[in-house]
Amino acid sequence: MIFDSRQLGAEFLGTFALVGAVCGAGLFSAPSAGLVAVAFAVGLSVLAMAFAVGSISGGHFNPAVTLGLVAAGRFDMDRALGYIIAQILGGVAAAAIFWYILSGLPAGKWNTFAAISNIAAPNAMVSAGLLEIVITALFLLVIVSVTGVRAPVAFAPIAIGFALVLFHLMAIPVTNASLNPARSTATALFGGPTAMQSLWLFWVAPIIGGVIGGVIARWLHDEFPRSAGRKRRSRK
């Protein structure tokens, strides 16, 4: 395993900001502004943090993204565990701070952590899981595509952030939109037993979707066979 403190710190901070956006907008803005506020808060947080620290760590902020990039051949598996641990810790730290803030406010006006957690009813597990697989696969396809050798990389955070807005608008009414096991873990820890019972699904489905998206993107862009071919020709 390879650990770089600056990269892990960047992943911690990026995930902290993302989960902070989920908690802040979900708890305090959504009761009056609705799901659109949450979708834009999450997308804009990733956009901002990708610009801020993406040059340090790559700006994953999500275990499903990290493993999807491994599947796409864009990231070393040896570094994945450290990234995932940093992401979980960043998300839990943000949720803990917002739980403390919420506990000091008058009850009744705001949402609860149960309301912003990712929860699937027992009779809707398949539908919820399939939705999470599809949107996470599409998210990885966007990420790999806009950060490829033929893409204008300077604009990648914009595309990624607004893609996240889109996928949250699609999924919030059904699952509260996970796409991210670190985000799901962070809110579930403060969301009660129902949220914890559903947590396994919001690890499994986004990771499956991320790996599928990474594999499809690797095939679609065909970067590695081309580069290997160039290397072979250069040795002649």
Protein backbone atom coordinates (compact mmCIF):
# COMPACT_ATOMS: atom_id res chain seq x y z
CA MET A 1 0.00 0.00 0.00
CA ILE A 2 1.18 3.49 -0.89
CA PHE A 3 0.25 6.46 1.29
CA ASP A 4 0.89 10.14 0.58
CA SER A 5 -0.24 12.44 3.39
CA ARG A 6 -0.99 15.38 1.09
CA GLN A 7 -3.14 13.26 -1.21
CA LEU A 8 -4.97 11.66 1.71
CA GLY A 9 -5.48 15.10 3.26
CA ALA A 10 -6.92 16.39 -0.02
CA GLU A 11 -9.33 13.44 -0.18
CA PHE A 12 -10.35 14.02 3.45
CA LEU A 13 -11.05 17.70 2.81
CA GLY A 14 -12.86 17.13 -0.46
CA THR A 15 -15.14 14.49 1.05
CA PHE A 16 -15.64 16.68 4.11
CA ALA A 17 -16.92 19.47 1.86
CA LEU A 18 -19.14 17.11 -0.14
CA VAL A 19 -20.79 15.57 2.93
CA GLY A 20 -20.99 19.01 4.51
CA ALA A 21 -22.98 20.11 1.46
CA VAL A 22 -25.28 17.09 1.79
CA CYS A 23 -25.85 17.75 5.49
CA GLY A 24 -26.14 21.53 5.34
CA ALA A 25 -28.45 21.65 2.34
CA GLY A 26 -30.36 18.50 3.29
CA LEU A 27 -30.96 19.46 6.90
CA PHE A 28 -31.45 23.21 6.62
CA SER A 29 -32.21 24.24 3.02
CA ALA A 30 -34.32 21.35 1.74
CA PRO A 31 -37.33 21.99 4.02
CA SER A 32 -37.92 25.30 2.25
CA ALA A 33 -35.98 25.05 -1.04
CA GLY A 34 -36.54 21.38 -1.88
CA LEU A 35 -34.36 18.75 -3.54
CA VAL A 36 -32.96 21.14 -6.16
CA ALA A 37 -31.02 22.93 -3.41
CA VAL A 38 -29.43 19.67 -2.29
CA ALA A 39 -28.55 18.59 -5.83
CA PHE A 40 -26.83 21.88 -6.60
CA ALA A 41 -25.08 22.01 -3.23
CA VAL A 42 -23.53 18.60 -3.79
CA GLY A 43 -22.55 19.27 -7.39
CA LEU A 44 -21.07 22.67 -6.64
CA SER A 45 -19.13 21.33 -3.64
CA VAL A 46 -17.44 18.73 -5.83
CA LEU A 47 -16.81 21.29 -8.56
CA ALA A 48 -15.18 23.69 -6.09
CA MET A 49 -13.08 21.06 -4.31
CA ALA A 50 -11.98 19.46 -7.59
CA PHE A 51 -10.57 22.83 -8.60
CA ALA A 52 -9.12 23.36 -5.12
CA VAL A 53 -7.39 20.04 -4.46
CA GLY A 54 -7.91 17.93 -7.57
CA SER A 55 -4.36 18.64 -8.71
CA ILE A 56 -3.10 17.03 -5.48
CA SER A 57 -5.16 13.84 -5.22
CA GLY A 58 -7.17 13.65 -8.43
CA GLY A 59 -10.34 14.72 -6.60
CA HIS A 60 -12.08 11.38 -6.06
CA PHE A 61 -13.95 12.13 -2.78
CA ASN A 62 -15.83 8.84 -3.21
CA PRO A 63 -14.85 5.14 -2.78
CA ALA A 64 -16.91 4.18 -5.84
CA VAL A 65 -14.97 6.71 -7.92
CA THR A 66 -11.64 5.43 -6.60
CA LEU A 67 -12.48 1.81 -7.44
CA GLY A 68 -14.03 2.82 -10.75
CA LEU A 69 -10.81 4.58 -11.71
CA VAL A 70 -8.89 1.44 -10.74
CA ALA A 71 -11.14 -0.50 -13.14
CA ALA A 72 -10.53 2.15 -15.80
CA GLY A 73 -6.76 1.78 -15.43
CA ARG A 74 -6.43 5.34 -14.17
CA PHE A 75 -5.48 4.60 -10.55
CA ASP A 76 -3.27 2.10 -8.73
CA MET A 77 -5.02 -0.44 -6.52
CA ASP A 78 -2.19 -0.11 -3.99
CA ARG A 79 -3.33 3.44 -3.22
CA ALA A 80 -7.08 2.75 -3.13
CA LEU A 81 -7.42 1.66 0.51
CA GLY A 82 -5.76 4.81 1.83
CA TYR A 83 -8.02 7.00 -0.30
CA ILE A 84 -11.16 5.16 0.84
CA ILE A 85 -10.23 5.46 4.52
CA ALA A 86 -9.53 9.19 4.11
CA GLN A 87 -12.86 9.67 2.32
CA ILE A 88 -14.82 7.88 5.04
CA LEU A 89 -13.09 9.85 7.80
CA GLY A 90 -13.72 13.15 5.99
CA GLY A 91 -17.38 12.35 5.50
CA VAL A 92 -17.93 11.21 9.09
CA ALA A 93 -16.17 14.32 10.43
CA ALA A 94 -18.49 16.57 8.44
CA ALA A 95 -21.60 14.66 9.50
CA ALA A 96 -20.51 14.77 13.16
CA ILE A 97 -20.11 18.55 13.03
CA PHE A 98 -23.54 19.02 11.44
CA TRP A 99 -25.10 16.59 13.94
CA TYR A 100 -23.72 18.76 16.73
CA ILE A 101 -25.00 21.94 15.04
CA LEU A 102 -28.44 20.36 14.57
CA SER A 103 -28.58 19.24 18.20
CA GLY A 104 -28.26 22.87 19.31
CA LEU A 105 -31.16 24.13 17.18
CA PRO A 106 -34.88 24.09 18.00
CA ALA A 107 -36.60 20.93 16.81
CA GLY A 108 -39.32 20.81 14.19
CA LYS A 109 -38.05 23.33 11.65
CA TRP A 110 -35.26 21.22 10.14
CA ASN A 111 -34.86 17.80 8.60
CA THR A 112 -33.35 14.93 10.60
CA PHE A 113 -30.37 12.76 9.73
CA ALA A 114 -32.78 9.91 9.08
CA ALA A 115 -34.46 12.08 6.42
CA ILE A 116 -31.20 12.80 4.58
CA SER A 117 -29.75 9.29 4.83
CA ASN A 118 -29.86 6.81 1.97
CA ILE A 119 -32.68 4.40 2.77
CA ALA A 120 -34.37 1.78 0.60
CA ALA A 121 -37.60 0.07 1.64
CA PRO A 122 -37.37 -3.75 1.76
CA ASN A 123 -39.76 -4.07 -1.19
CA ALA A 124 -37.78 -1.54 -3.24
CA MET A 125 -34.21 -2.82 -2.78
CA VAL A 126 -33.85 -3.99 -6.38
CA SER A 127 -35.16 -0.73 -7.84
CA ALA A 128 -33.01 1.38 -5.53
CA GLY A 129 -29.92 -0.71 -6.18
CA LEU A 130 -30.40 -0.65 -9.95
CA LEU A 131 -30.82 3.12 -9.93
CA GLU A 132 -27.62 3.55 -7.92
CA ILE A 133 -25.71 1.20 -10.23
CA VAL A 134 -26.85 3.06 -13.35
CA ILE A 135 -26.20 6.60 -12.15
CA THR A 136 -22.81 5.71 -10.64
CA ALA A 137 -21.76 3.96 -13.85
CA LEU A 138 -22.75 7.03 -15.85
CA PHE A 139 -20.90 9.24 -13.37
CA LEU A 140 -17.69 7.25 -13.85
CA LEU A 141 -18.14 7.40 -17.60
CA VAL A 142 -18.28 11.19 -17.35
CA ILE A 143 -15.26 11.38 -15.04
CA VAL A 144 -13.04 9.14 -17.18
CA SER A 145 -14.16 10.84 -20.39
CA VAL A 146 -13.57 14.44 -19.32
CA THR A 147 -10.18 13.68 -17.78
CA GLY A 148 -8.85 11.73 -20.76
CA VAL A 149 -5.87 12.65 -22.91
CA ARG A 150 -8.10 14.08 -25.64
CA ALA A 151 -10.34 16.15 -23.34
CA PRO A 152 -9.85 19.77 -22.19
CA VAL A 153 -8.92 18.79 -18.63
CA ALA A 154 -9.18 22.35 -17.27
CA PHE A 155 -12.96 22.13 -17.68
CA ALA A 156 -13.31 18.65 -16.17
CA PRO A 157 -14.49 19.80 -12.70
CA ILE A 158 -17.33 21.74 -14.30
CA ALA A 159 -18.59 18.73 -16.23
CA ILE A 160 -18.20 16.46 -13.20
CA GLY A 161 -19.95 18.88 -10.83
CA PHE A 162 -22.93 19.43 -13.10
CA ALA A 163 -23.18 15.71 -13.87
CA LEU A 164 -23.48 15.16 -10.13
CA VAL A 165 -26.29 17.74 -10.00
CA LEU A 166 -28.08 15.84 -12.77
CA PHE A 167 -27.73 12.44 -11.11
CA HIS A 168 -28.94 13.82 -7.78
CA LEU A 169 -32.01 15.31 -9.44
CA MET A 170 -32.68 11.86 -10.90
CA ALA A 171 -32.17 9.88 -7.70
CA ILE A 172 -33.01 11.99 -4.65
CA PRO A 173 -36.76 11.16 -4.83
CA VAL A 174 -35.95 7.42 -4.79
CA THR A 175 -32.81 6.86 -2.69
CA ASN A 176 -31.74 10.34 -1.56
CA ALA A 177 -28.96 9.83 -4.14
CA SER A 178 -25.89 8.10 -2.79
CA LEU A 179 -23.43 7.36 -5.64
CA ASN A 180 -20.95 7.50 -2.78
CA PRO A 181 -20.45 4.96 0.04
CA ALA A 182 -18.55 7.50 2.16
CA ARG A 183 -21.50 9.92 2.00
CA SER A 184 -23.94 7.10 2.85
CA THR A 185 -21.84 5.91 5.79
CA ALA A 186 -21.45 9.40 7.22
CA THR A 187 -25.17 10.16 7.39
CA ALA A 188 -26.22 6.62 8.33
CA LEU A 189 -24.08 6.73 11.49
CA PHE A 190 -26.34 9.55 12.74
CA GLY A 191 -29.51 8.45 10.95
CA GLY A 192 -30.63 5.60 13.17
CA PRO A 193 -31.15 1.85 12.72
CA THR A 194 -33.18 2.06 9.49
CA ALA A 195 -30.39 3.96 7.76
CA MET A 196 -27.80 1.50 9.05
CA GLN A 197 -29.85 -1.47 7.82
CA SER A 198 -29.85 -0.03 4.29
CA LEU A 199 -26.18 0.97 4.32
CA TRP A 200 -24.90 -2.26 2.75
CA LEU A 201 -26.89 -1.52 -0.42
CA PHE A 202 -25.32 1.92 -0.74
CA TRP A 203 -21.87 0.38 -0.59
CA VAL A 204 -22.52 -2.50 -2.97
CA ALA A 205 -24.56 -0.74 -5.67
CA PRO A 206 -22.35 2.36 -6.18
CA ILE A 207 -19.18 0.25 -6.23
CA ILE A 208 -20.67 -2.13 -8.81
CA GLY A 209 -21.80 0.85 -10.85
CA GLY A 210 -18.42 2.55 -10.53
CA VAL A 211 -16.54 -0.53 -11.70
CA ILE A 212 -18.94 -1.05 -14.61
CA GLY A 213 -18.59 2.60 -15.62
CA GLY A 214 -14.81 2.43 -15.36
CA VAL A 215 -14.61 -0.71 -17.53
CA ILE A 216 -16.94 0.75 -20.17
CA ALA A 217 -15.02 4.03 -20.24
CA ARG A 218 -11.71 2.20 -20.59
CA TRP A 219 -13.06 0.26 -23.56
CA LEU A 220 -14.73 3.30 -25.11
CA HIS A 221 -11.68 5.54 -25.03
CA ASP A 222 -9.17 2.77 -25.72
CA GLU A 223 -6.29 4.81 -24.29
CA PHE A 224 -4.05 2.03 -23.08
CA PRO A 225 -3.78 -0.15 -26.19
CA ARG A 226 -2.98 2.97 -28.19
CA SER A 227 -0.27 4.11 -25.80
CA ALA A 228 1.18 0.59 -25.69
CA GLY A 229 1.25 0.55 -29.49
CA ARG A 230 3.08 3.87 -29.59
CA LYS A 231 5.66 2.54 -27.14
CA ARG A 232 6.22 -0.55 -29.26
CA ARG A 233 6.67 1.51 -32.40
CA SER A 234 9.03 3.92 -30.63
CA ARG A 235 11.39 1.05 -29.79
CA LYS A 236 11.82 0.04 -33.42
